[in-house]
Amino acid sequence: MQVKKILTRSCIAALMFGAFAHSAMADQLDDIKKAGKVRVAIAMGTPLFSYADDKMQPTGSDVDTARQLAKDLGVQLEIVSVTNAARVPTLQANRADLVIADLSITPERQKVIDFSVPYAVITIIVGGLKNIAVKDYKDLDGKRIGLTRATVNDTLTTAQAKGADIVRYEDDATLITSMVTGQIELFSSTPSNLQEMQKRAAGKNIELKFAQKDFDLGIALNKNQPRVKEWVDTWVKTNMKSGSLNTIYKKYHGRDLPASVQNVQ
């Protein structure tokens, strides 16, 4: 009888805890609305995605996406400026509600955070000086290549170019500076960063070597936030269907989003 009572109390306690946890999770969206602002972590210094304009104001496709999301949610946007390496930790430490920072959807990241359905894409490439012959990963053996820490570039290049001497930087801005100032001669990054390097060092003949992979980008949020995830997923699908997200992407990147992203269900 005593055992039965203990089990009954344990079950009741478990149910109460579950109800409390569900209630706490359900309040996340309400908390954002109550605060009147949504804190969005953005990795500033990423050409085309997020950077400062000539008036030192945040701009780029990720910035415009965050602004549109906040407007449709009916709250103010608070940009939390982070480095690439700090994107996930900032979210986990609850210093941001969402991350819109060219963050690729990968199985490793999905173990610790949630993503919306894809809102954009990013292409990963290897580039470098024209006089260096590189056509594939095997050509990177023994060569020094720079990239940004804690990115898919880092993961992909580390796995595929085991013989390369990899130099890791904390953000894209430092990577770009290192390339244009001659500290490195090869890099793994994005077409937008290649364009910035070519713009800033036209005489160096920096070129695309080969494309590594395309990745879908998602709006990141912490796990166990069902109402927030549902709202963000619906928002992405609605703005993808209306063409708004494609317009934002094309404005900065000069091309349409692929059909696989535009037709997201």
C-alpha atoms as a PDB file:
ATOM      1  CA  MET A   1       0.000   0.000   0.000  1.00  0.00           C
ATOM      2  CA  GLN A   2       2.820   2.339   0.940  1.00  0.00           C
ATOM      3  CA  VAL A   3       4.574   1.611  -2.345  1.00  0.00           C
ATOM      4  CA  LYS A   4       1.367   2.350  -4.235  1.00  0.00           C
ATOM      5  CA  LYS A   5       1.053   5.739  -2.489  1.00  0.00           C
ATOM      6  CA  ILE A   6       4.654   6.607  -3.305  1.00  0.00           C
ATOM      7  CA  LEU A   7       4.163   5.673  -6.939  1.00  0.00           C
ATOM      8  CA  THR A   8       0.949   7.694  -7.100  1.00  0.00           C
ATOM      9  CA  ARG A   9       2.662  10.750  -5.620  1.00  0.00           C
ATOM     10  CA  SER A  10       5.568  10.329  -8.030  1.00  0.00           C
ATOM     11  CA  CYS A  11       3.223  10.198 -10.993  1.00  0.00           C
ATOM     12  CA  ILE A  12       1.371  13.303  -9.817  1.00  0.00           C
ATOM     13  CA  ALA A  13       4.667  15.135  -9.312  1.00  0.00           C
ATOM     14  CA  ALA A  14       5.837  14.131 -12.768  1.00  0.00           C
ATOM     15  CA  LEU A  15       2.600  15.326 -14.334  1.00  0.00           C
ATOM     16  CA  MET A  16       2.806  18.640 -12.461  1.00  0.00           C
ATOM     17  CA  PHE A  17       6.423  19.107 -13.538  1.00  0.00           C
ATOM     18  CA  GLY A  18       5.517  18.321 -17.138  1.00  0.00           C
ATOM     19  CA  ALA A  19       2.638  20.778 -17.042  1.00  0.00           C
ATOM     20  CA  PHE A  20       4.912  23.436 -15.532  1.00  0.00           C
ATOM     21  CA  ALA A  21       7.597  22.837 -18.171  1.00  0.00           C
ATOM     22  CA  HIS A  22       5.049  23.011 -20.980  1.00  0.00           C
ATOM     23  CA  SER A  23       3.655  26.231 -19.521  1.00  0.00           C
ATOM     24  CA  ALA A  24       7.136  27.754 -19.304  1.00  0.00           C
ATOM     25  CA  MET A  25       7.851  26.840 -22.900  1.00  0.00           C
ATOM     26  CA  ALA A  26       4.492  28.177 -24.057  1.00  0.00           C
ATOM     27  CA  ASP A  27       5.220  31.513 -22.381  1.00  0.00           C
ATOM     28  CA  GLN A  28       8.372  32.134 -24.456  1.00  0.00           C
ATOM     29  CA  LEU A  29       6.473  33.786 -27.318  1.00  0.00           C
ATOM     30  CA  ASP A  30       4.313  35.704 -24.842  1.00  0.00           C
ATOM     31  CA  ASP A  31       7.442  36.935 -23.073  1.00  0.00           C
ATOM     32  CA  ILE A  32       8.815  38.366 -26.308  1.00  0.00           C
ATOM     33  CA  LYS A  33       5.565  40.171 -27.004  1.00  0.00           C
ATOM     34  CA  LYS A  34       5.317  41.385 -23.422  1.00  0.00           C
ATOM     35  CA  ALA A  35       8.869  42.786 -23.602  1.00  0.00           C
ATOM     36  CA  GLY A  36       7.951  44.551 -26.829  1.00  0.00           C
ATOM     37  CA  LYS A  37      11.166  43.452 -28.505  1.00  0.00           C
ATOM     38  CA  VAL A  38      12.816  40.421 -30.038  1.00  0.00           C
ATOM     39  CA  ARG A  39      16.549  39.955 -29.480  1.00  0.00           C
ATOM     40  CA  VAL A  40      18.138  38.633 -32.656  1.00  0.00           C
ATOM     41  CA  ALA A  41      21.796  37.587 -32.750  1.00  0.00           C
ATOM     42  CA  ILE A  42      23.434  38.649 -36.018  1.00  0.00           C
ATOM     43  CA  ALA A  43      27.057  38.078 -37.020  1.00  0.00           C
ATOM     44  CA  MET A  44      28.015  41.538 -38.250  1.00  0.00           C
ATOM     45  CA  GLY A  45      30.909  41.861 -40.682  1.00  0.00           C
ATOM     46  CA  THR A  46      29.625  39.266 -43.175  1.00  0.00           C
ATOM     47  CA  PRO A  47      29.389  40.893 -46.628  1.00  0.00           C
ATOM     48  CA  LEU A  48      25.918  40.791 -48.197  1.00  0.00           C
ATOM     49  CA  PHE A  49      24.404  39.043 -45.166  1.00  0.00           C
ATOM     50  CA  SER A  50      25.163  41.511 -42.357  1.00  0.00           C
ATOM     51  CA  TYR A  51      27.514  44.493 -42.384  1.00  0.00           C
ATOM     52  CA  ALA A  52      27.670  48.243 -41.744  1.00  0.00           C
ATOM     53  CA  ASP A  53      26.732  50.610 -44.590  1.00  0.00           C
ATOM     54  CA  ASP A  54      28.465  53.917 -45.403  1.00  0.00           C
ATOM     55  CA  LYS A  55      26.559  55.517 -42.526  1.00  0.00           C
ATOM     56  CA  MET A  56      27.694  52.755 -40.157  1.00  0.00           C
ATOM     57  CA  GLN A  57      24.162  51.365 -39.919  1.00  0.00           C
ATOM     58  CA  PRO A  58      23.473  47.597 -39.959  1.00  0.00           C
ATOM     59  CA  THR A  59      22.391  46.317 -43.350  1.00  0.00           C
ATOM     60  CA  GLY A  60      22.365  43.131 -45.428  1.00  0.00           C
ATOM     61  CA  SER A  61      19.967  40.297 -46.192  1.00  0.00           C
ATOM     62  CA  ASP A  62      20.020  38.886 -42.646  1.00  0.00           C
ATOM     63  CA  VAL A  63      19.460  42.353 -41.148  1.00  0.00           C
ATOM     64  CA  ASP A  64      16.497  43.024 -43.451  1.00  0.00           C
ATOM     65  CA  THR A  65      15.098  39.574 -42.664  1.00  0.00           C
ATOM     66  CA  ALA A  66      15.334  40.278 -38.918  1.00  0.00           C
ATOM     67  CA  ARG A  67      13.679  43.680 -39.352  1.00  0.00           C
ATOM     68  CA  GLN A  68      10.790  42.197 -41.326  1.00  0.00           C
ATOM     69  CA  LEU A  69      10.326  39.419 -38.759  1.00  0.00           C
ATOM     70  CA  ALA A  70      10.217  41.887 -35.855  1.00  0.00           C
ATOM     71  CA  LYS A  71       7.767  44.119 -37.733  1.00  0.00           C
ATOM     72  CA  ASP A  72       5.410  41.221 -38.464  1.00  0.00           C
ATOM     73  CA  LEU A  73       5.679  40.031 -34.858  1.00  0.00           C
ATOM     74  CA  GLY A  74       4.661  43.533 -33.761  1.00  0.00           C
ATOM     75  CA  VAL A  75       7.755  44.220 -31.647  1.00  0.00           C
ATOM     76  CA  GLN A  76      10.986  46.213 -31.833  1.00  0.00           C
ATOM     77  CA  LEU A  77      14.164  44.599 -33.126  1.00  0.00           C
ATOM     78  CA  GLU A  78      17.184  44.459 -30.827  1.00  0.00           C
ATOM     79  CA  ILE A  79      20.271  43.361 -32.736  1.00  0.00           C
ATOM     80  CA  VAL A  80      22.717  41.359 -30.649  1.00  0.00           C
ATOM     81  CA  SER A  81      26.013  41.605 -32.506  1.00  0.00           C
ATOM     82  CA  VAL A  82      28.050  38.378 -32.276  1.00  0.00           C
ATOM     83  CA  THR A  83      30.967  36.612 -33.897  1.00  0.00           C
ATOM     84  CA  ASN A  84      30.357  33.455 -35.925  1.00  0.00           C
ATOM     85  CA  ALA A  85      31.714  31.299 -33.101  1.00  0.00           C
ATOM     86  CA  ALA A  86      29.355  32.931 -30.582  1.00  0.00           C
ATOM     87  CA  ARG A  87      26.118  32.413 -32.528  1.00  0.00           C
ATOM     88  CA  VAL A  88      24.989  29.180 -30.850  1.00  0.00           C
ATOM     89  CA  PRO A  89      26.448  29.940 -27.361  1.00  0.00           C
ATOM     90  CA  THR A  90      24.681  33.328 -27.326  1.00  0.00           C
ATOM     91  CA  LEU A  91      21.366  31.603 -27.987  1.00  0.00           C
ATOM     92  CA  GLN A  92      21.985  28.892 -25.392  1.00  0.00           C
ATOM     93  CA  ALA A  93      22.921  31.492 -22.772  1.00  0.00           C
ATOM     94  CA  ASN A  94      19.584  33.239 -23.433  1.00  0.00           C
ATOM     95  CA  ARG A  95      21.283  36.453 -24.540  1.00  0.00           C
ATOM     96  CA  ALA A  96      19.187  36.285 -27.716  1.00  0.00           C
ATOM     97  CA  ASP A  97      15.744  34.930 -28.607  1.00  0.00           C
ATOM     98  CA  LEU A  98      16.658  34.018 -32.187  1.00  0.00           C
ATOM     99  CA  VAL A  99      19.715  33.827 -34.415  1.00  0.00           C
ATOM    100  CA  ILE A 100      19.551  35.122 -37.989  1.00  0.00           C
ATOM    101  CA  ALA A 101      23.206  34.971 -38.932  1.00  0.00           C
ATOM    102  CA  ASP A 102      23.848  32.869 -42.066  1.00  0.00           C
ATOM    103  CA  LEU A 103      23.709  29.824 -39.798  1.00  0.00           C
ATOM    104  CA  SER A 104      23.641  26.595 -41.797  1.00  0.00           C
ATOM    105  CA  ILE A 105      21.297  23.801 -40.775  1.00  0.00           C
ATOM    106  CA  THR A 106      23.517  20.842 -39.850  1.00  0.00           C
ATOM    107  CA  PRO A 107      22.879  17.606 -37.906  1.00  0.00           C
ATOM    108  CA  GLU A 108      25.502  18.588 -35.307  1.00  0.00           C
ATOM    109  CA  ARG A 109      23.799  21.901 -34.555  1.00  0.00           C
ATOM    110  CA  GLN A 110      20.351  20.298 -34.538  1.00  0.00           C
ATOM    111  CA  LYS A 111      21.450  18.233 -31.553  1.00  0.00           C
ATOM    112  CA  VAL A 112      21.602  21.349 -29.370  1.00  0.00           C
ATOM    113  CA  ILE A 113      19.332  23.944 -31.019  1.00  0.00           C
ATOM    114  CA  ASP A 114      16.301  24.064 -33.279  1.00  0.00           C
ATOM    115  CA  PHE A 115      15.989  25.639 -36.720  1.00  0.00           C
ATOM    116  CA  SER A 116      13.139  27.050 -38.724  1.00  0.00           C
ATOM    117  CA  VAL A 117      12.495  25.786 -42.213  1.00  0.00           C
ATOM    118  CA  PRO A 118      15.123  27.266 -44.593  1.00  0.00           C
ATOM    119  CA  TYR A 119      14.851  31.006 -45.228  1.00  0.00           C
ATOM    120  CA  ALA A 120      17.988  31.369 -47.423  1.00  0.00           C
ATOM    121  CA  VAL A 121      21.074  29.521 -48.667  1.00  0.00           C
ATOM    122  CA  ILE A 122      24.819  29.910 -48.508  1.00  0.00           C
ATOM    123  CA  THR A 123      27.450  28.538 -50.877  1.00  0.00           C
ATOM    124  CA  ILE A 124      30.810  27.461 -49.492  1.00  0.00           C
ATOM    125  CA  ILE A 125      33.830  27.897 -51.751  1.00  0.00           C
ATOM    126  CA  VAL A 126      37.610  27.747 -51.806  1.00  0.00           C
ATOM    127  CA  GLY A 127      39.322  30.764 -53.318  1.00  0.00           C
ATOM    128  CA  GLY A 128      42.788  32.213 -53.506  1.00  0.00           C
ATOM    129  CA  LEU A 129      45.507  33.838 -55.560  1.00  0.00           C
ATOM    130  CA  LYS A 130      45.361  33.060 -59.271  1.00  0.00           C
ATOM    131  CA  ASN A 131      48.948  31.803 -59.428  1.00  0.00           C
ATOM    132  CA  ILE A 132      48.241  28.984 -56.938  1.00  0.00           C
ATOM    133  CA  ALA A 133      46.949  25.829 -58.653  1.00  0.00           C
ATOM    134  CA  VAL A 134      44.039  24.402 -56.647  1.00  0.00           C
ATOM    135  CA  LYS A 135      41.160  22.472 -58.202  1.00  0.00           C
ATOM    136  CA  ASP A 136      40.102  20.096 -55.405  1.00  0.00           C
ATOM    137  CA  TYR A 137      40.732  19.193 -51.774  1.00  0.00           C
ATOM    138  CA  LYS A 138      43.773  17.057 -52.616  1.00  0.00           C
ATOM    139  CA  ASP A 139      45.484  20.163 -54.005  1.00  0.00           C
ATOM    140  CA  LEU A 140      45.309  21.750 -50.539  1.00  0.00           C
ATOM    141  CA  ASP A 141      47.786  19.238 -49.081  1.00  0.00           C
ATOM    142  CA  GLY A 142      50.660  21.132 -47.515  1.00  0.00           C
ATOM    143  CA  LYS A 143      49.058  24.502 -48.255  1.00  0.00           C
ATOM    144  CA  ARG A 144      47.973  27.178 -45.766  1.00  0.00           C
ATOM    145  CA  ILE A 145      44.277  28.036 -45.936  1.00  0.00           C
ATOM    146  CA  GLY A 146      42.311  30.508 -43.836  1.00  0.00           C
ATOM    147  CA  LEU A 147      38.693  30.216 -42.711  1.00  0.00           C
ATOM    148  CA  THR A 148      36.313  31.418 -40.024  1.00  0.00           C
ATOM    149  CA  ARG A 149      36.147  29.369 -36.837  1.00  0.00           C
ATOM    150  CA  ALA A 150      32.966  27.422 -35.908  1.00  0.00           C
ATOM    151  CA  THR A 151      31.425  27.605 -39.379  1.00  0.00           C
ATOM    152  CA  VAL A 152      30.458  24.931 -41.885  1.00  0.00           C
ATOM    153  CA  ASN A 153      33.570  26.055 -43.764  1.00  0.00           C
ATOM    154  CA  ASP A 154      35.621  24.951 -40.782  1.00  0.00           C
ATOM    155  CA  THR A 155      33.841  21.597 -40.436  1.00  0.00           C
ATOM    156  CA  LEU A 156      33.877  20.801 -44.149  1.00  0.00           C
ATOM    157  CA  THR A 157      37.464  21.844 -44.862  1.00  0.00           C
ATOM    158  CA  THR A 158      38.819  20.144 -41.737  1.00  0.00           C
ATOM    159  CA  ALA A 159      37.161  16.876 -42.784  1.00  0.00           C
ATOM    160  CA  GLN A 160      38.052  17.002 -46.472  1.00  0.00           C
ATOM    161  CA  ALA A 161      41.476  18.682 -46.514  1.00  0.00           C
ATOM    162  CA  LYS A 162      43.325  16.701 -43.863  1.00  0.00           C
ATOM    163  CA  GLY A 163      46.729  17.613 -45.266  1.00  0.00           C
ATOM    164  CA  ALA A 164      46.123  21.364 -45.228  1.00  0.00           C
ATOM    165  CA  ASP A 165      47.514  23.855 -42.721  1.00  0.00           C
ATOM    166  CA  ILE A 166      44.288  25.501 -41.516  1.00  0.00           C
ATOM    167  CA  VAL A 167      44.358  28.998 -40.024  1.00  0.00           C
ATOM    168  CA  ARG A 168      41.190  29.858 -38.085  1.00  0.00           C
ATOM    169  CA  TYR A 169      39.873  33.394 -37.582  1.00  0.00           C
ATOM    170  CA  GLU A 170      37.155  34.588 -35.210  1.00  0.00           C
ATOM    171  CA  ASP A 171      35.045  36.368 -37.854  1.00  0.00           C
ATOM    172  CA  ASP A 172      34.736  36.953 -41.584  1.00  0.00           C
ATOM    173  CA  ALA A 173      36.038  40.509 -41.354  1.00  0.00           C
ATOM    174  CA  THR A 174      39.391  39.305 -39.979  1.00  0.00           C
ATOM    175  CA  LEU A 175      39.560  36.551 -42.588  1.00  0.00           C
ATOM    176  CA  ILE A 176      38.997  39.076 -45.379  1.00  0.00           C
ATOM    177  CA  THR A 177      41.635  41.433 -43.984  1.00  0.00           C
ATOM    178  CA  SER A 178      44.137  38.586 -43.702  1.00  0.00           C
ATOM    179  CA  MET A 179      43.595  37.646 -47.326  1.00  0.00           C
ATOM    180  CA  VAL A 180      43.837  41.142 -48.787  1.00  0.00           C
ATOM    181  CA  THR A 181      46.924  41.970 -46.715  1.00  0.00           C
ATOM    182  CA  GLY A 182      48.749  38.828 -47.814  1.00  0.00           C
ATOM    183  CA  GLN A 183      48.776  36.936 -44.521  1.00  0.00           C
ATOM    184  CA  ILE A 184      47.155  33.983 -46.306  1.00  0.00           C
ATOM    185  CA  GLU A 185      46.919  33.033 -49.985  1.00  0.00           C
ATOM    186  CA  LEU A 186      43.969  30.618 -49.895  1.00  0.00           C
ATOM    187  CA  PHE A 187      40.656  30.664 -48.025  1.00  0.00           C
ATOM    188  CA  SER A 188      37.407  28.773 -47.533  1.00  0.00           C
ATOM    189  CA  SER A 189      34.429  31.097 -47.297  1.00  0.00           C
ATOM    190  CA  THR A 190      31.536  32.397 -49.415  1.00  0.00           C
ATOM    191  CA  PRO A 191      31.134  34.082 -52.835  1.00  0.00           C
ATOM    192  CA  SER A 192      30.144  37.309 -51.057  1.00  0.00           C
ATOM    193  CA  ASN A 193      33.410  37.343 -49.106  1.00  0.00           C
ATOM    194  CA  LEU A 194      35.320  36.588 -52.309  1.00  0.00           C
ATOM    195  CA  GLN A 195      33.673  39.621 -53.915  1.00  0.00           C
ATOM    196  CA  GLU A 196      34.699  41.777 -50.968  1.00  0.00           C
ATOM    197  CA  MET A 197      38.306  40.569 -51.233  1.00  0.00           C
ATOM    198  CA  GLN A 198      38.369  41.270 -54.964  1.00  0.00           C
ATOM    199  CA  LYS A 199      36.936  44.724 -54.344  1.00  0.00           C
ATOM    200  CA  ARG A 200      39.471  45.598 -51.671  1.00  0.00           C
ATOM    201  CA  ALA A 201      42.497  44.070 -53.420  1.00  0.00           C
ATOM    202  CA  ALA A 202      41.807  44.304 -57.154  1.00  0.00           C
ATOM    203  CA  GLY A 203      45.469  43.931 -58.065  1.00  0.00           C
ATOM    204  CA  LYS A 204      45.952  40.625 -56.238  1.00  0.00           C
ATOM    205  CA  ASN A 205      44.000  38.484 -58.748  1.00  0.00           C
ATOM    206  CA  ILE A 206      41.971  36.627 -56.137  1.00  0.00           C
ATOM    207  CA  GLU A 207      39.696  34.043 -57.766  1.00  0.00           C
ATOM    208  CA  LEU A 208      37.296  31.184 -57.131  1.00  0.00           C
ATOM    209  CA  LYS A 209      39.057  27.812 -57.025  1.00  0.00           C
ATOM    210  CA  PHE A 210      36.150  25.394 -56.520  1.00  0.00           C
ATOM    211  CA  ALA A 211      32.716  25.199 -54.906  1.00  0.00           C
ATOM    212  CA  GLN A 212      32.569  23.050 -51.776  1.00  0.00           C
ATOM    213  CA  LYS A 213      28.873  22.755 -50.934  1.00  0.00           C
ATOM    214  CA  ASP A 214      25.519  24.571 -50.710  1.00  0.00           C
ATOM    215  CA  PHE A 215      23.847  24.761 -47.292  1.00  0.00           C
ATOM    216  CA  ASP A 216      20.328  25.769 -46.305  1.00  0.00           C
ATOM    217  CA  LEU A 217      20.167  28.530 -43.693  1.00  0.00           C
ATOM    218  CA  GLY A 218      17.675  28.463 -40.833  1.00  0.00           C
ATOM    219  CA  ILE A 219      16.531  30.881 -38.163  1.00  0.00           C
ATOM    220  CA  ALA A 220      17.868  29.345 -34.965  1.00  0.00           C
ATOM    221  CA  LEU A 221      16.068  29.090 -31.638  1.00  0.00           C
ATOM    222  CA  ASN A 222      16.520  27.102 -28.473  1.00  0.00           C
ATOM    223  CA  LYS A 223      14.931  23.684 -28.171  1.00  0.00           C
ATOM    224  CA  ASN A 224      11.622  23.204 -26.354  1.00  0.00           C
ATOM    225  CA  GLN A 225      10.072  26.394 -27.679  1.00  0.00           C
ATOM    226  CA  PRO A 226       7.136  24.965 -29.657  1.00  0.00           C
ATOM    227  CA  ARG A 227       5.125  28.180 -29.944  1.00  0.00           C
ATOM    228  CA  VAL A 228       8.120  30.222 -31.075  1.00  0.00           C
ATOM    229  CA  LYS A 229       9.124  27.560 -33.603  1.00  0.00           C
ATOM    230  CA  GLU A 230       5.582  27.296 -34.948  1.00  0.00           C
ATOM    231  CA  TRP A 231       5.337  31.073 -35.346  1.00  0.00           C
ATOM    232  CA  VAL A 232       8.749  31.383 -37.027  1.00  0.00           C
ATOM    233  CA  ASP A 233       8.115  28.432 -39.377  1.00  0.00           C
ATOM    234  CA  THR A 234       4.770  29.910 -40.403  1.00  0.00           C
ATOM    235  CA  TRP A 235       6.373  33.323 -40.873  1.00  0.00           C
ATOM    236  CA  VAL A 236       9.097  31.920 -43.148  1.00  0.00           C
ATOM    237  CA  LYS A 237       6.607  29.944 -45.245  1.00  0.00           C
ATOM    238  CA  THR A 238       4.272  32.939 -45.585  1.00  0.00           C
ATOM    239  CA  ASN A 239       7.055  35.323 -46.610  1.00  0.00           C
ATOM    240  CA  MET A 240       8.559  32.755 -48.943  1.00  0.00           C
ATOM    241  CA  LYS A 241       5.194  32.269 -50.645  1.00  0.00           C
ATOM    242  CA  SER A 242       4.669  36.026 -50.999  1.00  0.00           C
ATOM    243  CA  GLY A 243       8.142  36.445 -52.468  1.00  0.00           C
ATOM    244  CA  SER A 244       9.286  38.783 -49.707  1.00  0.00           C
ATOM    245  CA  LEU A 245      12.238  36.657 -48.573  1.00  0.00           C
ATOM    246  CA  ASN A 246      13.350  36.068 -52.153  1.00  0.00           C
ATOM    247  CA  THR A 247      13.217  39.824 -52.798  1.00  0.00           C
ATOM    248  CA  ILE A 248      15.404  40.481 -49.752  1.00  0.00           C
ATOM    249  CA  TYR A 249      17.913  37.819 -50.798  1.00  0.00           C
ATOM    250  CA  LYS A 250      18.076  38.954 -54.427  1.00  0.00           C
ATOM    251  CA  LYS A 251      18.525  42.606 -53.405  1.00  0.00           C
ATOM    252  CA  TYR A 252      21.875  41.799 -51.791  1.00  0.00           C
ATOM    253  CA  HIS A 253      23.061  38.588 -53.469  1.00  0.00           C
ATOM    254  CA  GLY A 254      22.007  39.341 -57.041  1.00  0.00           C
ATOM    255  CA  ARG A 255      20.281  36.011 -57.599  1.00  0.00           C
ATOM    256  CA  ASP A 256      17.073  34.217 -56.711  1.00  0.00           C
ATOM    257  CA  LEU A 257      16.833  31.664 -53.967  1.00  0.00           C
ATOM    258  CA  PRO A 258      16.845  28.103 -55.358  1.00  0.00           C
ATOM    259  CA  ALA A 259      13.483  26.494 -56.035  1.00  0.00           C
ATOM    260  CA  SER A 260      14.087  23.950 -53.259  1.00  0.00           C
ATOM    261  CA  VAL A 261      13.987  26.808 -50.735  1.00  0.00           C
ATOM    262  CA  GLN A 262      11.275  28.907 -52.373  1.00  0.00           C
ATOM    263  CA  ASN A 263       8.927  25.908 -52.476  1.00  0.00           C
ATOM    264  CA  VAL A 264       9.420  25.001 -48.807  1.00  0.00           C
ATOM    265  CA  GLN A 265       6.357  23.377 -47.263  1.00  0.00           C
END
